[in-house]
Each structure stands twice: as structure tokens, then as C-alpha cells.
Amino acid sequence: MKFTLVIFFLFFIIGVGYTQQKKDTIYKAYVGSRNEEIEFHSISKIKQLTAKEFQGRYHFGASESESDLSIIFSNNKLFAKDQYGFFEDQDWIEKTDRVNIKYDNDKKVLLFENSKRGSSLYKCTNNSNLFLKKGTKGIGFSFTEIDNGQIYLYVQFNEGKKIKTIGKYPESSFVKLTNRDLITYTKYELKIMRNEIFARNGYVFKKDGEMDNYFSG
């Protein structure tokens, strides 16, 4: 009887241990798509952030599902656009759509319109990965999946590249601005903004005129 109880107890301990081990969270990270897995601890969330630091071009996905999210920070506001392509009637079509985002000051994340999940800014902390170099910044978001009772926590890291902006109002050549955007500028700012588009494209203004003097400066 005692021997049977001991055996039962041992199997109970082993069973509990196995169940606990099975339920422990497994941490995984990848770049852009799941076929480019990286070491989970080779990237870390950047804690001290301002909205301006999200400026950059970030690559998402792979193959036919690739897209580039471009973000600039101008006049105390974030502007973003998504550039992607798709097949339609055997023709490859490239599109650019404006993306509505905002910066959550408290959680220090980007919030995308119609999405409850925020994205944070991460940084690669070492050179152990084949796909990344130390110091590389990128947008990352985490999500959890359960497979056969096992919990997986994933972080998708989307590498970023720098974007150079030209002028005081680069947003005017970056995305299609709405009335809601434009109402925040003064009449003089709108005048400069309109002519800045021409200036960026090499337009020559009337010599010694107001706009010539402004942009020559």
C-alpha cells in the first residue's frame, strides 16, 4: 500500500512538473516575417522616447505581402504613409495610403487607427543576429499565441531606416493633408507651405520677390 502511494505521488509530481513546463511561456522574435527568426534577447525596448524618434522608414512582411511604413515628425505632429504593391488583373499596382497614427505619451508607443495594439521602438543590442546589426532601430509589436496548450510570446521587429526631410513643412509633400490638418496653420504658413512644394522641386521664383528672398535665405 505504501509502495503504491509512493509511486502515485511520484507520478503526480512528474505530471505537475510537465504541465507547468508545458505552460511556461516561450519567447520568440523575428524580423519582418517568421522565416527570419532572431534571438529574443538581442533586441530591447527603448524606454526613453519622444514622438520625434519614431521618424523613419520601416519594412514589413516579405515577398508579395511587403510594405514600407514611412513616418516623419513635423510641426509637433506625426505623419505616416504606407507604400505597398499588389496584383490586379495580372498587373502589378503600387499604392501609397496615408496612415493615421498618434503617439501615446504615457505608454510611449504608436497607436494606429482602428487598432488597439500599440507599437514600440526597439533597438538591436548585439551583433549575434544574421539579419541585424547592433544599434539598428525598428518598430516592434508583441502578441501572444497558444498552440497545444503552450504559450508563445512573439515580438515582430521591423527594421527602420532614416528619413531626411527638407523644409519647414515637409508634410505638404509627404502625405495628402486634410482640412483638419490645414486649419492648424496660419495663412502665412499656408503660403510658405504651398510654395515650399515648388521650391523642393526646383522651381525658380521671381527674382527679388517675396518667395525668392525667403527661399534664398
C-alpha atoms as a PDB file:
ATOM      1  CA  MET A   1       0.000   0.000   0.000  1.00  0.00           C
ATOM      2  CA  LYS A   2       2.792   2.398   0.969  1.00  0.00           C
ATOM      3  CA  PHE A   3       4.688   1.472  -2.189  1.00  0.00           C
ATOM      4  CA  THR A   4       1.609   2.222  -4.331  1.00  0.00           C
ATOM      5  CA  LEU A   5       1.161   5.621  -2.645  1.00  0.00           C
ATOM      6  CA  VAL A   6       4.821   6.493  -3.272  1.00  0.00           C
ATOM      7  CA  ILE A   7       4.525   5.589  -6.954  1.00  0.00           C
ATOM      8  CA  PHE A   8       1.308   7.609  -7.266  1.00  0.00           C
ATOM      9  CA  PHE A   9       2.954  10.576  -5.565  1.00  0.00           C
ATOM     10  CA  LEU A  10       5.970  10.443  -7.896  1.00  0.00           C
ATOM     11  CA  PHE A  11       3.767  10.317 -10.987  1.00  0.00           C
ATOM     12  CA  PHE A  12       1.737  13.240  -9.597  1.00  0.00           C
ATOM     13  CA  ILE A  13       4.890  15.354  -9.103  1.00  0.00           C
ATOM     14  CA  ILE A  14       6.196  14.478 -12.563  1.00  0.00           C
ATOM     15  CA  GLY A  15       2.795  15.232 -14.087  1.00  0.00           C
ATOM     16  CA  VAL A  16       2.539  18.606 -12.361  1.00  0.00           C
ATOM     17  CA  GLY A  17       6.075  19.467 -13.394  1.00  0.00           C
ATOM     18  CA  TYR A  18       5.372  18.524 -17.001  1.00  0.00           C
ATOM     19  CA  THR A  19       2.148  20.546 -17.043  1.00  0.00           C
ATOM     20  CA  GLN A  20       3.948  23.558 -15.555  1.00  0.00           C
ATOM     21  CA  GLN A  21       6.784  23.239 -18.041  1.00  0.00           C
ATOM     22  CA  LYS A  22       4.318  22.964 -20.909  1.00  0.00           C
ATOM     23  CA  LYS A  23       2.514  26.100 -19.828  1.00  0.00           C
ATOM     24  CA  ASP A  24       5.676  28.192 -19.348  1.00  0.00           C
ATOM     25  CA  THR A  25       5.872  30.994 -21.891  1.00  0.00           C
ATOM     26  CA  ILE A  26       8.271  30.545 -24.797  1.00  0.00           C
ATOM     27  CA  TYR A  27       9.705  33.834 -26.110  1.00  0.00           C
ATOM     28  CA  LYS A  28      10.402  34.267 -29.811  1.00  0.00           C
ATOM     29  CA  ALA A  29      11.321  37.199 -32.046  1.00  0.00           C
ATOM     30  CA  TYR A  30      11.637  37.636 -35.767  1.00  0.00           C
ATOM     31  CA  VAL A  31      12.383  40.262 -38.399  1.00  0.00           C
ATOM     32  CA  GLY A  32       9.560  41.157 -40.755  1.00  0.00           C
ATOM     33  CA  SER A  33       8.382  37.581 -41.304  1.00  0.00           C
ATOM     34  CA  ARG A  34       8.604  34.374 -39.303  1.00  0.00           C
ATOM     35  CA  ASN A  35      11.198  32.760 -41.572  1.00  0.00           C
ATOM     36  CA  GLU A  36      13.782  35.257 -40.270  1.00  0.00           C
ATOM     37  CA  GLU A  37      13.919  34.373 -36.593  1.00  0.00           C
ATOM     38  CA  ILE A  38      16.300  36.268 -34.307  1.00  0.00           C
ATOM     39  CA  GLU A  39      17.425  35.849 -30.708  1.00  0.00           C
ATOM     40  CA  PHE A  40      14.700  37.215 -28.447  1.00  0.00           C
ATOM     41  CA  HIS A  41      17.161  38.882 -26.079  1.00  0.00           C
ATOM     42  CA  SER A  42      19.113  40.548 -28.884  1.00  0.00           C
ATOM     43  CA  ILE A  43      16.530  43.337 -29.107  1.00  0.00           C
ATOM     44  CA  SER A  44      15.283  45.531 -26.300  1.00  0.00           C
ATOM     45  CA  LYS A  45      12.573  48.165 -25.984  1.00  0.00           C
ATOM     46  CA  ILE A  46      13.819  51.763 -25.901  1.00  0.00           C
ATOM     47  CA  LYS A  47      12.373  53.269 -22.747  1.00  0.00           C
ATOM     48  CA  GLN A  48      13.204  56.984 -23.043  1.00  0.00           C
ATOM     49  CA  LEU A  49      11.244  58.072 -26.094  1.00  0.00           C
ATOM     50  CA  THR A  50       9.768  61.127 -27.748  1.00  0.00           C
ATOM     51  CA  ALA A  51       7.446  61.135 -30.747  1.00  0.00           C
ATOM     52  CA  LYS A  52      10.220  62.505 -32.977  1.00  0.00           C
ATOM     53  CA  GLU A  53      12.297  59.349 -32.517  1.00  0.00           C
ATOM     54  CA  PHE A  54       9.733  57.308 -34.458  1.00  0.00           C
ATOM     55  CA  GLN A  55      10.692  59.130 -37.664  1.00  0.00           C
ATOM     56  CA  GLY A  56      11.977  56.604 -40.180  1.00  0.00           C
ATOM     57  CA  ARG A  57      11.069  54.073 -42.860  1.00  0.00           C
ATOM     58  CA  TYR A  58      10.081  50.620 -41.577  1.00  0.00           C
ATOM     59  CA  HIS A  59       9.821  47.464 -43.647  1.00  0.00           C
ATOM     60  CA  PHE A  60       7.033  44.961 -43.008  1.00  0.00           C
ATOM     61  CA  GLY A  61       6.428  41.471 -44.371  1.00  0.00           C
ATOM     62  CA  ALA A  62       8.108  39.547 -47.177  1.00  0.00           C
ATOM     63  CA  SER A  63       7.591  38.698 -50.830  1.00  0.00           C
ATOM     64  CA  GLU A  64       4.168  39.771 -52.172  1.00  0.00           C
ATOM     65  CA  SER A  65       2.998  40.992 -48.763  1.00  0.00           C
ATOM     66  CA  GLU A  66       5.814  43.523 -48.342  1.00  0.00           C
ATOM     67  CA  SER A  67       5.139  47.117 -47.384  1.00  0.00           C
ATOM     68  CA  ASP A  68       7.022  50.157 -46.123  1.00  0.00           C
ATOM     69  CA  LEU A  69       5.692  52.360 -43.360  1.00  0.00           C
ATOM     70  CA  SER A  70       7.229  55.837 -43.517  1.00  0.00           C
ATOM     71  CA  ILE A  71       6.886  58.282 -40.618  1.00  0.00           C
ATOM     72  CA  ILE A  72       8.008  61.880 -40.225  1.00  0.00           C
ATOM     73  CA  PHE A  73       7.678  64.274 -37.302  1.00  0.00           C
ATOM     74  CA  SER A  74       6.942  67.854 -38.283  1.00  0.00           C
ATOM     75  CA  ASN A  75       5.356  70.830 -36.515  1.00  0.00           C
ATOM     76  CA  ASN A  76       4.715  68.763 -33.373  1.00  0.00           C
ATOM     77  CA  LYS A  77       2.788  66.074 -35.230  1.00  0.00           C
ATOM     78  CA  LEU A  78       3.432  62.641 -36.701  1.00  0.00           C
ATOM     79  CA  PHE A  79       2.622  61.980 -40.362  1.00  0.00           C
ATOM     80  CA  ALA A  80       2.715  58.456 -41.793  1.00  0.00           C
ATOM     81  CA  LYS A  81       2.115  56.650 -45.068  1.00  0.00           C
ATOM     82  CA  ASP A  82       2.084  53.022 -46.178  1.00  0.00           C
ATOM     83  CA  GLN A  83       3.651  52.061 -49.513  1.00  0.00           C
ATOM     84  CA  TYR A  84       2.809  48.644 -50.965  1.00  0.00           C
ATOM     85  CA  GLY A  85       2.022  46.753 -54.154  1.00  0.00           C
ATOM     86  CA  PHE A  86      -0.402  44.064 -55.306  1.00  0.00           C
ATOM     87  CA  PHE A  87      -1.518  42.189 -58.419  1.00  0.00           C
ATOM     88  CA  GLU A  88      -4.778  43.150 -60.080  1.00  0.00           C
ATOM     89  CA  ASP A  89      -5.782  41.564 -63.408  1.00  0.00           C
ATOM     90  CA  GLN A  90      -2.196  40.339 -63.791  1.00  0.00           C
ATOM     91  CA  ASP A  91      -0.870  43.885 -63.452  1.00  0.00           C
ATOM     92  CA  TRP A  92       1.368  44.982 -60.603  1.00  0.00           C
ATOM     93  CA  ILE A  93      -0.073  48.078 -58.949  1.00  0.00           C
ATOM     94  CA  GLU A  94       1.808  50.250 -56.475  1.00  0.00           C
ATOM     95  CA  LYS A  95      -0.141  52.301 -53.951  1.00  0.00           C
ATOM     96  CA  THR A  96       0.532  54.797 -51.194  1.00  0.00           C
ATOM     97  CA  ASP A  97      -2.028  55.332 -48.441  1.00  0.00           C
ATOM     98  CA  ARG A  98      -1.887  57.757 -45.567  1.00  0.00           C
ATOM     99  CA  VAL A  99      -1.857  56.055 -42.172  1.00  0.00           C
ATOM    100  CA  ASN A 100      -3.422  57.769 -39.188  1.00  0.00           C
ATOM    101  CA  ILE A 101      -1.305  57.299 -36.074  1.00  0.00           C
ATOM    102  CA  LYS A 102      -0.721  59.056 -32.800  1.00  0.00           C
ATOM    103  CA  TYR A 103       1.906  58.929 -30.074  1.00  0.00           C
ATOM    104  CA  ASP A 104       0.839  57.730 -26.645  1.00  0.00           C
ATOM    105  CA  ASN A 105       2.927  59.821 -24.238  1.00  0.00           C
ATOM    106  CA  ASP A 106       2.173  57.660 -21.206  1.00  0.00           C
ATOM    107  CA  LYS A 107       2.926  54.246 -22.701  1.00  0.00           C
ATOM    108  CA  LYS A 108       5.443  55.662 -25.206  1.00  0.00           C
ATOM    109  CA  VAL A 109       4.003  53.703 -28.119  1.00  0.00           C
ATOM    110  CA  LEU A 110       2.475  54.409 -31.514  1.00  0.00           C
ATOM    111  CA  LEU A 111      -1.251  53.832 -31.773  1.00  0.00           C
ATOM    112  CA  PHE A 112      -2.618  53.037 -35.213  1.00  0.00           C
ATOM    113  CA  GLU A 113      -6.142  53.971 -36.219  1.00  0.00           C
ATOM    114  CA  ASN A 114      -8.651  51.116 -35.731  1.00  0.00           C
ATOM    115  CA  SER A 115      -6.068  49.079 -33.815  1.00  0.00           C
ATOM    116  CA  LYS A 116      -5.907  48.560 -30.065  1.00  0.00           C
ATOM    117  CA  ARG A 117      -2.363  47.199 -30.263  1.00  0.00           C
ATOM    118  CA  GLY A 118       0.440  49.708 -29.874  1.00  0.00           C
ATOM    119  CA  SER A 119       3.888  49.547 -31.440  1.00  0.00           C
ATOM    120  CA  SER A 120       7.069  50.372 -29.554  1.00  0.00           C
ATOM    121  CA  LEU A 121      10.560  51.330 -30.666  1.00  0.00           C
ATOM    122  CA  TYR A 122      13.200  48.621 -30.218  1.00  0.00           C
ATOM    123  CA  LYS A 123      16.959  48.521 -30.667  1.00  0.00           C
ATOM    124  CA  CYS A 124      19.289  45.655 -31.547  1.00  0.00           C
ATOM    125  CA  THR A 125      21.744  45.252 -28.656  1.00  0.00           C
ATOM    126  CA  ASN A 126      24.349  42.924 -30.215  1.00  0.00           C
ATOM    127  CA  ASN A 127      25.687  41.505 -33.479  1.00  0.00           C
ATOM    128  CA  SER A 128      24.600  37.921 -32.871  1.00  0.00           C
ATOM    129  CA  ASN A 129      21.866  38.029 -35.486  1.00  0.00           C
ATOM    130  CA  LEU A 130      22.373  37.241 -39.157  1.00  0.00           C
ATOM    131  CA  PHE A 131      19.715  39.772 -40.181  1.00  0.00           C
ATOM    132  CA  LEU A 132      20.548  42.709 -37.907  1.00  0.00           C
ATOM    133  CA  LYS A 133      23.477  44.829 -36.779  1.00  0.00           C
ATOM    134  CA  LYS A 134      23.992  46.213 -33.308  1.00  0.00           C
ATOM    135  CA  GLY A 135      22.347  49.610 -32.921  1.00  0.00           C
ATOM    136  CA  THR A 136      19.670  49.007 -35.558  1.00  0.00           C
ATOM    137  CA  LYS A 137      16.375  50.629 -34.557  1.00  0.00           C
ATOM    138  CA  GLY A 138      12.968  49.421 -35.558  1.00  0.00           C
ATOM    139  CA  ILE A 139       9.282  49.326 -34.737  1.00  0.00           C
ATOM    140  CA  GLY A 140       8.174  46.244 -32.870  1.00  0.00           C
ATOM    141  CA  PHE A 141       4.921  44.896 -31.563  1.00  0.00           C
ATOM    142  CA  SER A 142       4.254  41.881 -29.380  1.00  0.00           C
ATOM    143  CA  PHE A 143       1.471  39.333 -29.421  1.00  0.00           C
ATOM    144  CA  THR A 144       0.672  36.025 -27.738  1.00  0.00           C
ATOM    145  CA  GLU A 145      -0.385  32.713 -29.283  1.00  0.00           C
ATOM    146  CA  ILE A 146      -1.377  29.404 -27.698  1.00  0.00           C
ATOM    147  CA  ASP A 147      -0.507  26.183 -29.528  1.00  0.00           C
ATOM    148  CA  ASN A 148      -1.428  22.815 -27.942  1.00  0.00           C
ATOM    149  CA  GLY A 149      -1.557  24.440 -24.519  1.00  0.00           C
ATOM    150  CA  GLN A 150       1.867  26.046 -24.952  1.00  0.00           C
ATOM    151  CA  ILE A 151       2.042  29.831 -24.638  1.00  0.00           C
ATOM    152  CA  TYR A 152       4.228  31.716 -27.131  1.00  0.00           C
ATOM    153  CA  LEU A 153       5.081  35.412 -26.822  1.00  0.00           C
ATOM    154  CA  TYR A 154       6.242  36.858 -30.124  1.00  0.00           C
ATOM    155  CA  VAL A 155       7.891  40.173 -30.924  1.00  0.00           C
ATOM    156  CA  GLN A 156       7.872  41.208 -34.565  1.00  0.00           C
ATOM    157  CA  PHE A 157      10.763  43.582 -35.238  1.00  0.00           C
ATOM    158  CA  ASN A 158      10.550  45.787 -38.329  1.00  0.00           C
ATOM    159  CA  GLU A 159      13.884  47.364 -39.185  1.00  0.00           C
ATOM    160  CA  GLY A 160      13.941  51.122 -39.697  1.00  0.00           C
ATOM    161  CA  LYS A 161      15.998  53.445 -41.872  1.00  0.00           C
ATOM    162  CA  LYS A 162      16.490  57.189 -41.556  1.00  0.00           C
ATOM    163  CA  ILE A 163      14.350  59.666 -43.477  1.00  0.00           C
ATOM    164  CA  LYS A 164      15.724  63.077 -44.403  1.00  0.00           C
ATOM    165  CA  THR A 165      13.184  65.873 -44.595  1.00  0.00           C
ATOM    166  CA  ILE A 166      13.624  69.169 -46.457  1.00  0.00           C
ATOM    167  CA  GLY A 167      11.963  72.421 -45.495  1.00  0.00           C
ATOM    168  CA  LYS A 168       9.907  73.668 -42.593  1.00  0.00           C
ATOM    169  CA  TYR A 169       6.740  71.907 -43.764  1.00  0.00           C
ATOM    170  CA  PRO A 170       7.855  68.566 -45.282  1.00  0.00           C
ATOM    171  CA  GLU A 171       4.423  67.076 -44.579  1.00  0.00           C
ATOM    172  CA  SER A 172       2.981  69.011 -47.549  1.00  0.00           C
ATOM    173  CA  SER A 173       4.953  66.792 -49.968  1.00  0.00           C
ATOM    174  CA  PHE A 174       4.733  63.686 -47.792  1.00  0.00           C
ATOM    175  CA  VAL A 175       1.009  62.938 -47.390  1.00  0.00           C
ATOM    176  CA  LYS A 176      -2.298  64.329 -48.603  1.00  0.00           C
ATOM    177  CA  LEU A 177      -3.284  66.897 -45.998  1.00  0.00           C
ATOM    178  CA  THR A 178      -6.892  67.317 -44.924  1.00  0.00           C
ATOM    179  CA  ASN A 179      -8.893  70.377 -43.871  1.00  0.00           C
ATOM    180  CA  ARG A 180      -8.431  69.187 -40.315  1.00  0.00           C
ATOM    181  CA  ASP A 181      -4.665  69.399 -40.805  1.00  0.00           C
ATOM    182  CA  LEU A 182      -4.643  72.734 -42.604  1.00  0.00           C
ATOM    183  CA  ILE A 183      -6.801  74.563 -40.076  1.00  0.00           C
ATOM    184  CA  THR A 184      -3.913  74.394 -37.592  1.00  0.00           C
ATOM    185  CA  TYR A 185      -1.667  76.620 -39.758  1.00  0.00           C
ATOM    186  CA  THR A 186      -1.810  80.415 -40.183  1.00  0.00           C
ATOM    187  CA  LYS A 187      -2.458  81.991 -43.583  1.00  0.00           C
ATOM    188  CA  TYR A 188       1.206  82.949 -43.875  1.00  0.00           C
ATOM    189  CA  GLU A 189       2.299  79.406 -43.014  1.00  0.00           C
ATOM    190  CA  LEU A 190      -0.045  78.031 -45.677  1.00  0.00           C
ATOM    191  CA  LYS A 191       1.510  80.398 -48.215  1.00  0.00           C
ATOM    192  CA  ILE A 192       5.009  79.211 -47.362  1.00  0.00           C
ATOM    193  CA  MET A 193       3.826  75.615 -47.337  1.00  0.00           C
ATOM    194  CA  ARG A 194       2.370  75.846 -50.864  1.00  0.00           C
ATOM    195  CA  ASN A 195       5.479  77.474 -52.306  1.00  0.00           C
ATOM    196  CA  GLU A 196       7.777  75.105 -50.435  1.00  0.00           C
ATOM    197  CA  ILE A 197       6.401  72.290 -52.595  1.00  0.00           C
ATOM    198  CA  PHE A 198       7.573  74.195 -55.704  1.00  0.00           C
ATOM    199  CA  ALA A 199      10.938  75.002 -54.094  1.00  0.00           C
ATOM    200  CA  ARG A 200      11.599  71.344 -53.274  1.00  0.00           C
ATOM    201  CA  ASN A 201      11.072  70.541 -56.951  1.00  0.00           C
ATOM    202  CA  GLY A 202      13.500  73.183 -58.220  1.00  0.00           C
ATOM    203  CA  TYR A 203      11.076  75.951 -59.162  1.00  0.00           C
ATOM    204  CA  VAL A 204      12.774  79.322 -59.761  1.00  0.00           C
ATOM    205  CA  PHE A 205      10.830  82.178 -58.170  1.00  0.00           C
ATOM    206  CA  LYS A 206      10.624  85.751 -59.432  1.00  0.00           C
ATOM    207  CA  LYS A 207      13.975  87.405 -58.715  1.00  0.00           C
ATOM    208  CA  ASP A 208      13.974  89.554 -55.562  1.00  0.00           C
ATOM    209  CA  GLY A 209      10.324  88.649 -54.951  1.00  0.00           C
ATOM    210  CA  GLU A 210       8.994  87.623 -51.518  1.00  0.00           C
ATOM    211  CA  MET A 211       9.336  83.891 -52.120  1.00  0.00           C
ATOM    212  CA  ASP A 212      12.716  84.254 -53.831  1.00  0.00           C
ATOM    213  CA  ASN A 213      14.064  86.160 -50.832  1.00  0.00           C
ATOM    214  CA  TYR A 214      12.534  83.668 -48.381  1.00  0.00           C
ATOM    215  CA  PHE A 215      13.893  80.513 -50.007  1.00  0.00           C
ATOM    216  CA  SER A 216      17.221  82.076 -50.901  1.00  0.00           C
ATOM    217  CA  GLY A 217      17.696  82.581 -47.193  1.00  0.00           C
END
